[in-house]
Amino acid sequence: MKAFYSNLRIKYKLVGLISLMMLVIGLATYFVMRFTFEAYDDEIYRQSASALNSASLGVEKELRDMEKLTFTIATDGSIQRYLDVIKQGGSDYDNFLVAISLQERLLSIGGFAKYVLSFHLIDVYQREYKHGANANMLSAARIEEVIAETERNTGGISYIFPENGDGALIAGRQIRQVRNLELDILGTLAVRLDLARLFRDLAGPVNQGDGMFAILAGDGQSVYPTNPSIDVSVLNVSHGEGSGYEVREVNGERFFITYVPSSYMDWTYLNIQPYDAIFRKTETAKQSVFVIYLIVFLLVLLAALWFSRSVTSPIERLSDRMKRVQMGHFEYALLPGEREPAMDEAGLLHRNFRIMVERINELINENYVKQLAIKDTEFKALQAQINPHFLYNTLESINWSAKAVGHKQISVMVESLGYLLRSSISGKEPLVPLQEEMATIGHYISIQAIRFEERLDFRSHIPARLNDCLVPKLSVQPIVENAIQYALEPMIDTCVITVEAEESGGIMRLAISDNGPGIQHDVLARLNSGELVPRGTGIGLRNIDERIRLLFGEGYGLEVGDNKGGGTRITLVLPVEMRDPHV
């Protein structure tokens, strides 16, 4: 895997790295959103549970008050006496008077109950005595249901759920004779409660919007509402589960349900809200975040591709040009449609490579020209080559012929010329002892003395300790030759040419001076620059200066100036390097 990653191209590495970063950011965003939405769900539950608790506490308070009211009525002495009279049997007139007395007593006890629709007393003969603002007659089936439920509780309160014909919740209780604790059944009390008003007052905040407040009995039967918009019995939320919330699907529609068990009854209070209505914005936010993230991921991916291409394309083009150079193509030209390199690091690489290629191309051309020149020079040298032995033998023959006829000057000139030729042709050492260089100058002066006679006065002042000091070969003779050409020839009087040497601090200063007309400043500049080439051997002062610098370093070379007594003084500045005389 590591080798695979290492061999990937840079642009794919960049795209992969940016994609990985986006995935990490996406996962982090997902977990943050998940945590946020869960916290949001919990907050909705807390608010819903708070409202539901408030409503349930109010309802249960009213139910406890109703339990106290029914107990007060069932144990009231007057009501028990009236019912006992009815139970004993009497005339219709007596029963009529008792019925009026019962209604008056019910009015005096519970006439101000806020949520009571009506009071109903049922005697042992199942005759009904009612009182209230909405005192409708109970159906026979309803009466039988009330009697049956209250009998099971034997004096305790019972709640009879609403039915289609009667939407009120009935709080029922058996009335038993409390005198002397006889506990004989005297009748049944049924109090009809206005559930709509009760829940409207107490569960108003819960019923806001599309929400619905509901009560489930322990067996799953709906206590309220009597005709719910959804079948709440299928929710299967029981008292034992405790309070909480969940999302249930009923008839293809999801609902957010908060439930709180009753501490008073075997009931469960429900707050049912349409899930989509509550979480529509949340779902929209989730989808929007996902879509936005997907769009941003694609845009970032495209940007990464563009960025990686902008980084790697110049490198790839540079690699292609390197391959062309490797194949021997040293020309550097922009491809069709290619722009000038930018000023960034890749552009700097391109410019440096272009400069390098152009320099290599120049060096190749220069080397090619030099090779042609070398070949031409070698060819010309071969054409002009003369056998040195033949030349030396010829000069020796001339020397002996001149001695034979008594021409001493011709003999001296021939001997000196042979020495000069032998010195220039033989030997490849770049450095020679100073005394050997002075011997060469002596033979050259011998030839020139025959020509100029008393007009040439050559003097040499070389300390013996410097005779073995190394100097570049043929470095002094060309300067002496220049002195003869530029100082002696224009003069009528005797020209004094002096060669002298001195040593100080490991540096030897070898000076060649004359008393000629000297060198004008503009001519001196031309000599130093190499523009003016002296006649004779063709070796200029600049050439000698460059040879000295190449052999000994930049601290050495030639110094050209005026002589103190008039004329020109040229000084060679050289290091004191001795050769072993026994070598």
Protein backbone atom coordinates (compact mmCIF):
# COMPACT_ATOMS: atom_id res chain seq x y z
CA MET A 1 0.00 0.00 0.00
CA LYS A 2 2.82 2.38 0.88
CA ALA A 3 4.60 1.62 -2.40
CA PHE A 4 1.35 2.17 -4.31
CA TYR A 5 0.88 5.57 -2.67
CA SER A 6 4.51 6.51 -3.26
CA ASN A 7 4.19 5.71 -6.98
CA LEU A 8 1.01 7.74 -7.44
CA ARG A 9 1.27 10.89 -9.48
CA ILE A 10 1.26 14.13 -7.51
CA LYS A 11 -2.11 15.30 -8.84
CA TYR A 12 -3.78 12.06 -7.74
CA LYS A 13 -2.17 12.42 -4.31
CA LEU A 14 -3.53 15.96 -4.02
CA VAL A 15 -7.02 14.91 -5.13
CA GLY A 16 -6.97 11.96 -2.74
CA LEU A 17 -5.77 14.10 0.15
CA ILE A 18 -8.42 16.79 -0.42
CA SER A 19 -11.13 14.13 -0.86
CA LEU A 20 -10.07 12.48 2.41
CA MET A 21 -10.20 15.83 4.17
CA MET A 22 -13.69 16.48 2.79
CA LEU A 23 -14.83 13.03 3.93
CA VAL A 24 -13.45 13.68 7.41
CA ILE A 25 -15.20 17.04 7.48
CA GLY A 26 -18.40 15.37 6.24
CA LEU A 27 -18.26 12.71 8.95
CA ALA A 28 -17.58 15.34 11.59
CA THR A 29 -20.50 17.41 10.27
CA TYR A 30 -22.74 14.31 10.29
CA PHE A 31 -21.97 13.48 13.92
CA VAL A 32 -22.33 17.11 14.98
CA MET A 33 -25.70 17.34 13.21
CA ARG A 34 -26.79 14.05 14.67
CA PHE A 35 -25.91 15.24 18.15
CA THR A 36 -27.63 18.57 17.49
CA PHE A 37 -30.83 17.01 16.20
CA GLU A 38 -30.91 14.50 19.04
CA ALA A 39 -30.55 17.39 21.45
CA TYR A 40 -33.33 19.14 19.53
CA ASP A 41 -35.54 16.04 19.85
CA ASP A 42 -34.82 15.91 23.57
CA GLU A 43 -35.67 19.58 23.93
CA ILE A 44 -38.97 19.07 22.09
CA TYR A 45 -39.69 16.11 24.36
CA ARG A 46 -38.90 18.14 27.48
CA GLN A 47 -41.18 20.94 26.39
CA SER A 48 -43.92 18.52 25.36
CA ALA A 49 -43.53 16.48 28.56
CA SER A 50 -43.64 19.65 30.64
CA ALA A 51 -46.91 20.72 29.03
CA LEU A 52 -48.26 17.19 29.32
CA ASN A 53 -47.31 16.95 33.00
CA SER A 54 -48.97 20.26 33.69
CA ALA A 55 -52.15 19.11 31.94
CA SER A 56 -52.16 15.71 33.66
CA LEU A 57 -51.69 17.26 37.10
CA GLY A 58 -54.62 19.57 36.48
CA VAL A 59 -56.82 16.73 35.26
CA GLU A 60 -55.92 14.51 38.20
CA LYS A 61 -56.60 17.34 40.63
CA GLU A 62 -60.07 17.70 39.23
CA LEU A 63 -60.58 13.95 39.38
CA ARG A 64 -59.53 13.89 43.03
CA ASP A 65 -61.93 16.75 43.72
CA MET A 66 -64.64 14.77 41.94
CA GLU A 67 -63.83 11.74 44.09
CA LYS A 68 -64.28 13.87 47.20
CA LEU A 69 -67.53 15.33 45.84
CA THR A 70 -69.00 11.90 45.06
CA PHE A 71 -67.98 10.65 48.49
CA THR A 72 -69.63 13.66 50.11
CA ILE A 73 -72.87 13.05 48.20
CA ALA A 74 -72.85 9.28 48.78
CA THR A 75 -72.39 9.70 52.53
CA ASP A 76 -74.68 12.68 52.96
CA GLY A 77 -77.28 11.87 55.70
CA SER A 78 -80.20 13.60 53.92
CA ILE A 79 -79.59 11.82 50.65
CA GLN A 80 -79.19 8.48 52.40
CA ARG A 81 -82.47 9.10 54.30
CA TYR A 82 -84.32 10.03 51.12
CA LEU A 83 -83.02 6.96 49.30
CA ASP A 84 -83.87 4.79 52.27
CA VAL A 85 -87.43 6.15 52.18
CA ILE A 86 -87.66 5.28 48.51
CA LYS A 87 -86.25 1.84 49.20
CA GLN A 88 -88.89 1.22 51.90
CA GLY A 89 -91.58 1.93 49.38
CA GLY A 90 -94.28 4.60 49.53
CA SER A 91 -96.96 6.28 47.55
CA ASP A 92 -96.23 8.04 44.31
CA TYR A 93 -96.85 11.36 45.97
CA ASP A 94 -94.33 10.56 48.70
CA ASN A 95 -91.79 9.54 46.06
CA PHE A 96 -92.45 12.78 44.19
CA LEU A 97 -91.71 14.83 47.26
CA VAL A 98 -88.58 12.81 47.96
CA ALA A 99 -87.41 13.36 44.40
CA ILE A 100 -87.75 17.12 44.79
CA SER A 101 -85.91 16.94 48.08
CA LEU A 102 -83.10 14.93 46.42
CA GLN A 103 -82.70 17.49 43.63
CA GLU A 104 -82.57 20.33 46.11
CA ARG A 105 -79.98 18.51 48.17
CA LEU A 106 -77.83 17.75 45.10
CA LEU A 107 -78.03 21.40 44.14
CA SER A 108 -76.92 22.51 47.56
CA ILE A 109 -73.94 20.10 47.63
CA GLY A 110 -72.58 20.18 44.10
CA GLY A 111 -74.36 22.94 42.35
CA PHE A 112 -71.18 24.98 41.95
CA ALA A 113 -68.95 22.23 40.55
CA LYS A 114 -67.31 23.74 37.47
CA TYR A 115 -66.98 20.73 35.18
CA VAL A 116 -70.15 18.80 36.26
CA LEU A 117 -72.80 18.47 33.56
CA SER A 118 -75.37 16.72 35.75
CA PHE A 119 -75.94 14.58 38.82
CA HIS A 120 -77.84 11.32 38.55
CA LEU A 121 -79.17 9.23 41.45
CA ILE A 122 -80.43 5.77 40.64
CA ASP A 123 -82.48 4.06 43.38
CA VAL A 124 -82.61 0.37 43.98
CA TYR A 125 -85.52 0.17 41.55
CA GLN A 126 -83.32 1.73 38.82
CA ARG A 127 -85.43 4.87 38.79
CA GLU A 128 -83.35 7.92 37.88
CA TYR A 129 -83.33 11.26 39.67
CA LYS A 130 -81.26 13.91 37.86
CA HIS A 131 -80.21 17.49 38.36
CA GLY A 132 -77.97 19.85 36.38
CA ALA A 133 -77.73 22.26 33.47
CA ASN A 134 -77.37 19.44 30.98
CA ALA A 135 -79.28 16.72 32.75
CA ASN A 136 -80.13 14.31 29.96
CA MET A 137 -81.69 10.99 30.77
CA LEU A 138 -79.24 8.12 30.78
CA SER A 139 -80.06 5.25 28.54
CA ALA A 140 -80.95 1.94 30.08
CA ALA A 141 -77.74 0.44 28.79
CA ARG A 142 -75.77 3.29 30.23
CA ILE A 143 -77.50 2.88 33.62
CA GLU A 144 -76.76 -0.84 33.64
CA GLU A 145 -73.11 -0.13 32.77
CA VAL A 146 -72.81 2.37 35.62
CA ILE A 147 -74.45 -0.03 38.11
CA ALA A 148 -72.21 -2.90 37.00
CA GLU A 149 -68.98 -0.87 37.26
CA THR A 150 -69.83 0.56 40.68
CA GLU A 151 -70.79 -2.87 42.03
CA ARG A 152 -67.29 -4.12 41.25
CA ASN A 153 -65.77 -1.41 43.40
CA THR A 154 -68.23 -1.92 46.28
CA GLY A 155 -68.51 1.67 47.29
CA GLY A 156 -65.33 2.99 45.69
CA ILE A 157 -65.37 5.43 42.81
CA SER A 158 -65.56 4.12 39.27
CA TYR A 159 -65.07 5.95 35.99
CA ILE A 160 -67.20 4.97 33.05
CA PHE A 161 -65.71 6.04 29.76
CA PRO A 162 -67.67 8.07 27.23
CA GLU A 163 -69.61 6.35 24.49
CA ASN A 164 -70.96 7.42 21.16
CA GLY A 165 -74.30 8.41 22.63
CA ASP A 166 -72.84 10.18 25.63
CA GLY A 167 -69.52 12.01 25.39
CA ALA A 168 -69.27 12.67 29.12
CA LEU A 169 -67.04 10.85 31.57
CA ILE A 170 -69.14 9.42 34.41
CA ALA A 171 -67.81 9.22 37.94
CA GLY A 172 -69.96 6.54 39.62
CA ARG A 173 -70.21 5.30 43.19
CA GLN A 174 -72.50 2.91 45.08
CA ILE A 175 -74.48 4.54 47.89
CA ARG A 176 -74.54 2.32 50.97
CA GLN A 177 -76.18 2.78 54.30
CA VAL A 178 -73.59 4.19 56.67
CA ARG A 179 -75.97 4.29 59.66
CA ASN A 180 -74.79 1.73 62.14
CA LEU A 181 -72.44 0.54 59.36
CA GLU A 182 -75.20 -1.51 57.86
CA LEU A 183 -73.80 -0.91 54.34
CA ASP A 184 -77.07 -1.78 52.67
CA ILE A 185 -77.28 -0.65 49.08
CA LEU A 186 -79.45 2.42 48.77
CA GLY A 187 -78.72 3.28 45.14
CA THR A 188 -76.04 4.50 42.69
CA LEU A 189 -74.59 7.94 42.09
CA ALA A 190 -73.48 9.00 38.60
CA VAL A 191 -71.82 12.37 37.99
CA ARG A 192 -71.33 13.34 34.34
CA LEU A 193 -68.16 15.35 33.71
CA ASP A 194 -67.70 17.80 30.82
CA LEU A 195 -64.46 16.37 29.35
CA ALA A 196 -64.37 18.81 26.45
CA ARG A 197 -64.35 21.83 28.76
CA LEU A 198 -62.04 20.14 31.26
CA PHE A 199 -59.36 19.33 28.68
CA ARG A 200 -59.87 22.59 26.86
CA ASP A 201 -59.01 24.48 30.04
CA LEU A 202 -56.28 22.22 31.34
CA ALA A 203 -54.73 20.76 28.17
CA GLY A 204 -55.00 23.87 26.00
CA PRO A 205 -51.22 24.27 25.38
CA VAL A 206 -51.02 20.61 24.40
CA ASN A 207 -53.84 20.87 21.86
CA GLN A 208 -52.30 23.78 19.97
CA GLY A 209 -51.93 23.44 16.22
CA ASP A 210 -52.29 19.94 14.83
CA GLY A 211 -51.51 18.31 18.16
CA MET A 212 -53.93 16.12 20.07
CA PHE A 213 -54.28 15.38 23.78
CA ALA A 214 -55.43 11.83 24.52
CA ILE A 215 -55.89 9.52 27.46
CA LEU A 216 -55.52 5.76 27.22
CA ALA A 217 -56.83 3.37 29.80
CA GLY A 218 -54.78 0.44 30.99
CA ASP A 219 -56.53 -1.90 28.53
CA GLY A 220 -55.71 0.43 25.62
CA GLN A 221 -59.19 1.91 25.37
CA SER A 222 -59.41 5.60 24.52
CA VAL A 223 -60.73 7.62 27.43
CA TYR A 224 -60.41 10.88 25.57
CA PRO A 225 -61.26 11.88 22.92
CA THR A 226 -64.25 9.75 22.19
CA ASN A 227 -63.81 10.04 18.43
CA PRO A 228 -60.06 10.51 17.89
CA SER A 229 -58.76 11.35 14.41
CA ILE A 230 -56.38 8.41 14.69
CA ASP A 231 -56.81 5.06 16.33
CA VAL A 232 -54.85 5.67 19.53
CA SER A 233 -55.51 2.16 20.76
CA VAL A 234 -52.90 0.82 18.30
CA LEU A 235 -50.22 2.94 19.91
CA ASN A 236 -49.86 0.31 22.64
CA VAL A 237 -48.32 2.66 25.19
CA SER A 238 -48.80 1.18 28.62
CA HIS A 239 -48.49 2.58 32.09
CA GLY A 240 -45.55 0.36 32.92
CA GLU A 241 -43.27 1.90 30.30
CA GLY A 242 -42.88 5.13 32.25
CA SER A 243 -42.67 8.56 30.64
CA GLY A 244 -40.83 9.11 27.38
CA TYR A 245 -41.26 9.80 23.70
CA GLU A 246 -41.11 7.87 20.47
CA VAL A 247 -42.04 8.07 16.83
CA ARG A 248 -44.88 5.78 15.73
CA GLU A 249 -46.40 5.25 12.32
CA VAL A 250 -50.19 5.01 12.16
CA ASN A 251 -51.98 4.49 8.87
CA GLY A 252 -48.86 5.51 6.93
CA GLU A 253 -48.39 8.74 8.86
CA ARG A 254 -45.69 9.30 11.47
CA PHE A 255 -46.46 10.86 14.84
CA PHE A 256 -44.21 12.20 17.60
CA ILE A 257 -45.77 10.86 20.83
CA THR A 258 -44.95 12.02 24.33
CA TYR A 259 -46.50 9.91 27.11
CA VAL A 260 -46.76 10.32 30.86
CA PRO A 261 -48.34 7.63 33.10
CA SER A 262 -50.94 8.73 35.61
CA SER A 263 -50.07 8.47 39.28
CA TYR A 264 -53.76 8.42 40.20
CA MET A 265 -55.44 6.26 37.62
CA ASP A 266 -54.53 3.37 35.43
CA TRP A 267 -54.26 5.84 32.59
CA THR A 268 -51.58 7.16 30.27
CA TYR A 269 -51.64 10.75 29.08
CA LEU A 270 -50.54 11.26 25.49
CA ASN A 271 -49.43 14.29 23.51
CA ILE A 272 -49.66 13.30 19.85
CA GLN A 273 -48.07 15.62 17.29
CA PRO A 274 -47.67 15.02 13.54
CA TYR A 275 -43.99 14.22 13.07
CA ASP A 276 -43.71 15.91 9.71
CA ALA A 277 -45.28 19.10 11.04
CA ILE A 278 -42.75 19.29 13.89
CA PHE A 279 -39.67 18.06 12.14
CA ARG A 280 -40.35 19.36 8.65
CA LYS A 281 -37.81 22.13 9.13
CA THR A 282 -35.38 19.70 10.70
CA GLU A 283 -35.72 17.25 7.84
CA THR A 284 -35.44 20.10 5.37
CA ALA A 285 -32.30 21.28 7.17
CA LYS A 286 -30.83 17.76 7.04
CA GLN A 287 -31.57 17.40 3.35
CA SER A 288 -30.28 20.89 2.63
CA VAL A 289 -27.06 20.23 4.52
CA PHE A 290 -26.58 16.96 2.64
CA VAL A 291 -27.26 18.56 -0.74
CA ILE A 292 -25.04 21.54 0.06
CA TYR A 293 -22.28 19.26 1.30
CA LEU A 294 -22.55 17.12 -1.85
CA ILE A 295 -22.39 20.23 -4.05
CA VAL A 296 -19.47 21.64 -2.05
CA PHE A 297 -17.70 18.26 -2.21
CA LEU A 298 -18.08 18.16 -6.00
CA LEU A 299 -16.95 21.78 -6.32
CA VAL A 300 -13.97 21.15 -4.04
CA LEU A 301 -13.16 17.99 -6.01
CA LEU A 302 -13.24 19.95 -9.28
CA ALA A 303 -11.16 22.70 -7.68
CA ALA A 304 -8.70 20.06 -6.44
CA LEU A 305 -8.44 18.62 -9.95
CA TRP A 306 -7.87 22.08 -11.38
CA PHE A 307 -5.38 22.97 -8.67
CA SER A 308 -3.46 19.70 -8.98
CA ARG A 309 -3.40 20.10 -12.75
CA SER A 310 -2.11 23.67 -12.44
CA VAL A 311 0.66 22.37 -10.15
CA THR A 312 1.61 19.22 -12.07
CA SER A 313 1.14 20.40 -15.68
CA PRO A 314 4.23 22.66 -15.61
CA ILE A 315 6.22 19.84 -14.03
CA GLU A 316 5.00 17.38 -16.68
CA ARG A 317 5.91 19.82 -19.47
CA LEU A 318 9.33 20.29 -17.89
CA SER A 319 9.74 16.50 -17.72
CA ASP A 320 8.87 16.24 -21.44
CA ARG A 321 11.47 18.86 -22.27
CA MET A 322 14.06 17.02 -20.18
CA LYS A 323 13.34 13.87 -22.22
CA ARG A 324 13.88 15.88 -25.42
CA VAL A 325 17.21 17.16 -24.07
CA GLN A 326 18.10 13.59 -23.12
CA MET A 327 17.53 12.63 -26.77
CA GLY A 328 19.80 15.45 -27.96
CA HIS A 329 17.28 18.21 -28.77
CA PHE A 330 18.63 21.31 -27.04
CA GLU A 331 16.26 23.86 -28.51
CA TYR A 332 13.77 25.42 -26.09
CA ALA A 333 10.56 26.76 -27.61
CA LEU A 334 6.99 27.20 -26.40
CA LEU A 335 4.59 24.58 -27.70
CA PRO A 336 1.55 25.71 -29.75
CA GLY A 337 -1.02 27.20 -27.39
CA GLU A 338 1.39 27.18 -24.43
CA ARG A 339 1.64 30.34 -22.37
CA GLU A 340 4.71 31.83 -20.79
CA PRO A 341 5.52 30.17 -17.44
CA ALA A 342 4.07 31.89 -14.39
CA MET A 343 6.18 33.60 -11.75
CA ASP A 344 5.75 30.81 -9.21
CA GLU A 345 8.17 28.04 -8.27
CA ALA A 346 7.25 25.90 -11.30
CA GLY A 347 7.80 28.89 -13.58
CA LEU A 348 11.18 29.47 -11.93
CA LEU A 349 12.12 25.86 -12.68
CA HIS A 350 11.14 26.38 -16.33
CA ARG A 351 13.17 29.58 -16.62
CA ASN A 352 16.24 28.06 -14.95
CA PHE A 353 15.97 24.98 -17.16
CA ARG A 354 15.65 27.18 -20.24
CA ILE A 355 18.76 29.16 -19.21
CA MET A 356 20.62 25.93 -18.55
CA VAL A 357 19.63 24.42 -21.92
CA GLU A 358 20.57 27.61 -23.74
CA ARG A 359 23.93 27.67 -21.95
CA ILE A 360 24.55 24.01 -22.76
CA ASN A 361 23.65 24.71 -26.37
CA GLU A 362 26.07 27.66 -26.42
CA LEU A 363 28.81 25.53 -24.88
CA ILE A 364 28.17 22.78 -27.41
CA ASN A 365 28.39 25.29 -30.26
CA GLU A 366 31.51 26.86 -28.80
CA ASN A 367 33.10 23.47 -28.32
CA TYR A 368 32.14 22.53 -31.87
CA VAL A 369 33.76 25.71 -33.21
CA LYS A 370 36.84 25.09 -31.08
CA GLN A 371 37.08 21.53 -32.29
CA LEU A 372 36.88 22.76 -35.88
CA ALA A 373 39.59 25.31 -35.12
CA ILE A 374 41.76 22.64 -33.49
CA LYS A 375 41.33 20.34 -36.43
CA ASP A 376 42.17 23.15 -38.82
CA THR A 377 45.22 24.09 -36.75
CA GLU A 378 46.39 20.49 -36.61
CA PHE A 379 45.92 20.20 -40.35
CA LYS A 380 47.91 23.37 -40.97
CA ALA A 381 50.60 22.25 -38.53
CA LEU A 382 50.94 18.98 -40.36
CA GLN A 383 51.27 20.87 -43.64
CA ALA A 384 53.92 23.23 -42.26
CA GLN A 385 55.74 20.65 -40.16
CA ILE A 386 59.52 20.42 -40.77
CA ASN A 387 61.65 17.72 -39.37
CA PRO A 388 63.45 19.38 -36.41
CA HIS A 389 66.54 17.22 -36.93
CA PHE A 390 66.72 18.29 -40.56
CA LEU A 391 66.40 21.97 -39.48
CA TYR A 392 69.02 21.62 -36.72
CA ASN A 393 71.45 19.82 -39.11
CA THR A 394 70.93 22.53 -41.70
CA LEU A 395 71.67 25.31 -39.18
CA GLU A 396 74.74 23.38 -37.95
CA SER A 397 75.99 23.11 -41.54
CA ILE A 398 75.56 26.87 -41.98
CA ASN A 399 77.42 27.46 -38.68
CA TRP A 400 80.42 25.35 -39.72
CA SER A 401 80.50 26.96 -43.16
CA ALA A 402 80.51 30.44 -41.58
CA LYS A 403 83.36 29.46 -39.22
CA ALA A 404 85.29 27.99 -42.11
CA VAL A 405 85.23 31.25 -44.06
CA GLY A 406 85.69 33.37 -40.90
CA HIS A 407 82.23 34.94 -40.62
CA LYS A 408 81.96 35.03 -36.84
CA GLN A 409 78.72 37.06 -36.73
CA ILE A 410 76.91 34.58 -39.01
CA SER A 411 78.08 31.76 -36.76
CA VAL A 412 76.82 33.54 -33.64
CA MET A 413 73.44 34.29 -35.26
CA VAL A 414 73.01 30.70 -36.44
CA GLU A 415 73.92 29.27 -33.04
CA SER A 416 71.52 31.66 -31.27
CA LEU A 417 68.74 30.95 -33.77
CA GLY A 418 69.16 27.22 -33.26
CA TYR A 419 68.96 27.64 -29.49
CA LEU A 420 65.80 29.73 -29.80
CA LEU A 421 64.17 27.19 -32.10
CA ARG A 422 65.17 24.31 -29.85
CA SER A 423 63.87 26.18 -26.79
CA SER A 424 60.49 26.99 -28.38
CA ILE A 425 59.93 23.58 -30.01
CA SER A 426 61.37 21.17 -27.47
CA GLY A 427 60.14 20.83 -23.89
CA LYS A 428 56.53 20.93 -22.69
CA GLU A 429 57.09 22.21 -19.16
CA PRO A 430 55.03 25.41 -18.55
CA LEU A 431 57.53 26.61 -15.90
CA VAL A 432 61.31 26.92 -16.33
CA PRO A 433 64.08 28.27 -14.03
CA LEU A 434 64.77 31.95 -14.36
CA GLN A 435 68.35 31.35 -15.51
CA GLU A 436 67.07 29.20 -18.40
CA GLU A 437 64.67 31.99 -19.41
CA MET A 438 67.57 34.48 -19.19
CA ALA A 439 69.70 32.18 -21.41
CA THR A 440 66.95 32.31 -24.03
CA ILE A 441 66.92 36.11 -23.76
CA GLY A 442 70.73 36.16 -24.11
CA HIS A 443 70.60 34.29 -27.42
CA TYR A 444 67.80 36.56 -28.63
CA ILE A 445 69.87 39.67 -27.68
CA SER A 446 72.90 38.20 -29.52
CA ILE A 447 70.91 38.16 -32.76
CA GLN A 448 69.45 41.64 -32.17
CA ALA A 449 72.90 43.07 -31.17
CA ILE A 450 74.34 42.15 -34.59
CA ARG A 451 71.44 44.03 -36.17
CA PHE A 452 71.45 47.18 -33.98
CA GLU A 453 75.16 47.14 -32.88
CA GLU A 454 75.97 49.95 -30.38
CA ARG A 455 72.35 51.23 -30.35
CA LEU A 456 71.34 48.29 -28.13
CA ASP A 457 72.60 48.23 -24.55
CA PHE A 458 71.23 45.18 -22.68
CA ARG A 459 71.79 44.88 -18.94
CA SER A 460 70.78 42.10 -16.47
CA HIS A 461 70.74 42.25 -12.67
CA ILE A 462 69.56 38.86 -11.34
CA PRO A 463 70.56 37.79 -7.79
CA ALA A 464 72.11 34.34 -7.78
CA ARG A 465 69.60 33.10 -5.21
CA LEU A 466 66.76 33.67 -7.71
CA ASN A 467 68.31 31.79 -10.65
CA ASP A 468 66.35 28.64 -9.79
CA CYS A 469 63.05 30.52 -9.26
CA LEU A 470 60.40 29.19 -11.61
CA VAL A 471 58.87 31.50 -14.22
CA PRO A 472 56.43 30.81 -17.07
CA LYS A 473 58.28 29.72 -20.19
CA LEU A 474 58.77 32.48 -22.79
CA SER A 475 57.27 35.09 -20.47
CA VAL A 476 60.25 37.51 -20.37
CA GLN A 477 61.54 37.18 -23.97
CA PRO A 478 58.32 38.62 -25.57
CA ILE A 479 58.54 41.66 -23.29
CA VAL A 480 62.20 42.24 -24.27
CA GLU A 481 61.15 41.87 -27.89
CA ASN A 482 58.43 44.51 -27.37
CA ALA A 483 61.04 46.84 -25.82
CA ILE A 484 63.24 46.51 -28.93
CA GLN A 485 60.31 47.11 -31.26
CA TYR A 486 58.60 49.98 -29.39
CA ALA A 487 61.58 51.60 -27.64
CA LEU A 488 64.75 50.85 -29.66
CA GLU A 489 63.52 51.14 -33.24
CA PRO A 490 62.03 54.67 -32.93
CA MET A 491 65.23 55.96 -31.15
CA ILE A 492 68.43 57.32 -32.64
CA ASP A 493 70.42 57.16 -29.42
CA THR A 494 71.41 54.07 -27.52
CA CYS A 495 68.47 52.20 -25.94
CA VAL A 496 69.18 50.68 -22.55
CA ILE A 497 67.07 47.59 -21.79
CA THR A 498 67.39 46.31 -18.25
CA VAL A 499 66.14 43.05 -16.71
CA GLU A 500 66.33 43.02 -12.90
CA ALA A 501 64.76 40.94 -10.14
CA GLU A 502 64.14 41.40 -6.43
CA GLU A 503 62.45 39.27 -3.78
CA SER A 504 60.39 40.41 -0.79
CA GLY A 505 58.00 38.47 1.42
CA GLY A 506 58.02 35.38 -0.82
CA ILE A 507 57.14 37.42 -3.93
CA MET A 508 59.61 38.04 -6.80
CA ARG A 509 59.24 41.18 -8.90
CA LEU A 510 60.94 40.65 -12.30
CA ALA A 511 61.11 44.04 -14.09
CA ILE A 512 61.95 44.78 -17.77
CA SER A 513 62.56 48.50 -18.35
CA ASP A 514 63.79 50.74 -21.15
CA ASN A 515 64.61 54.39 -21.70
CA GLY A 516 62.54 54.68 -24.83
CA PRO A 517 59.71 57.11 -25.60
CA GLY A 518 57.34 55.29 -23.24
CA ILE A 519 53.74 54.23 -23.72
CA GLN A 520 50.88 56.69 -24.03
CA HIS A 521 47.98 56.15 -21.63
CA ASP A 522 45.51 55.15 -24.36
CA VAL A 523 48.01 52.69 -25.83
CA LEU A 524 48.64 51.34 -22.34
CA ALA A 525 44.90 50.71 -21.91
CA ARG A 526 44.80 48.93 -25.28
CA LEU A 527 47.75 46.75 -24.28
CA ASN A 528 46.14 45.78 -20.97
CA SER A 529 42.88 44.96 -22.74
CA GLY A 530 44.63 42.91 -25.42
CA GLU A 531 43.39 45.07 -28.28
CA LEU A 532 46.94 45.95 -29.35
CA VAL A 533 48.96 42.85 -30.36
CA PRO A 534 52.74 43.36 -30.55
CA ARG A 535 54.64 42.39 -33.64
CA GLY A 536 57.17 39.61 -33.57
CA THR A 537 56.16 36.40 -31.88
CA GLY A 538 52.55 37.46 -31.58
CA ILE A 539 52.43 36.83 -27.84
CA GLY A 540 50.72 39.85 -26.19
CA LEU A 541 51.07 41.22 -22.74
CA ARG A 542 47.51 40.16 -21.92
CA ASN A 543 48.36 36.58 -22.87
CA ILE A 544 51.34 36.59 -20.49
CA ASP A 545 49.21 38.11 -17.72
CA GLU A 546 46.51 35.45 -18.16
CA ARG A 547 49.11 32.64 -18.14
CA ILE A 548 50.57 33.92 -14.86
CA ARG A 549 47.13 34.16 -13.27
CA LEU A 550 46.19 30.66 -14.43
CA LEU A 551 49.44 29.18 -13.09
CA PHE A 552 49.74 31.05 -9.77
CA GLY A 553 46.34 32.68 -9.01
CA GLU A 554 44.64 36.03 -9.17
CA GLY A 555 47.12 37.71 -6.83
CA TYR A 556 49.87 37.62 -9.48
CA GLY A 557 50.32 38.99 -13.01
CA LEU A 558 51.74 41.94 -14.95
CA GLU A 559 52.14 45.57 -13.94
CA VAL A 560 52.71 48.05 -16.78
CA GLY A 561 53.85 51.59 -16.03
CA ASP A 562 56.39 54.34 -16.72
CA ASN A 563 60.09 54.01 -15.91
CA LYS A 564 61.51 56.53 -13.47
CA GLY A 565 64.22 57.70 -15.91
CA GLY A 566 61.81 57.73 -18.80
CA GLY A 567 60.50 54.94 -20.94
CA THR A 568 58.43 51.91 -19.99
CA ARG A 569 58.67 49.49 -17.09
CA ILE A 570 56.86 46.14 -17.13
CA THR A 571 56.99 44.05 -13.95
CA LEU A 572 56.14 40.35 -13.57
CA VAL A 573 54.80 39.65 -10.07
CA LEU A 574 55.49 35.97 -9.31
CA PRO A 575 55.67 33.75 -6.24
CA VAL A 576 59.09 32.51 -5.21
CA GLU A 577 59.02 28.80 -6.13
CA MET A 578 62.34 27.02 -6.46
CA ARG A 579 63.21 23.86 -8.36
CA ASP A 580 65.66 21.44 -6.86
CA PRO A 581 68.89 21.95 -8.89
CA HIS A 582 69.67 18.20 -8.66
CA VAL A 583 66.43 17.22 -10.40
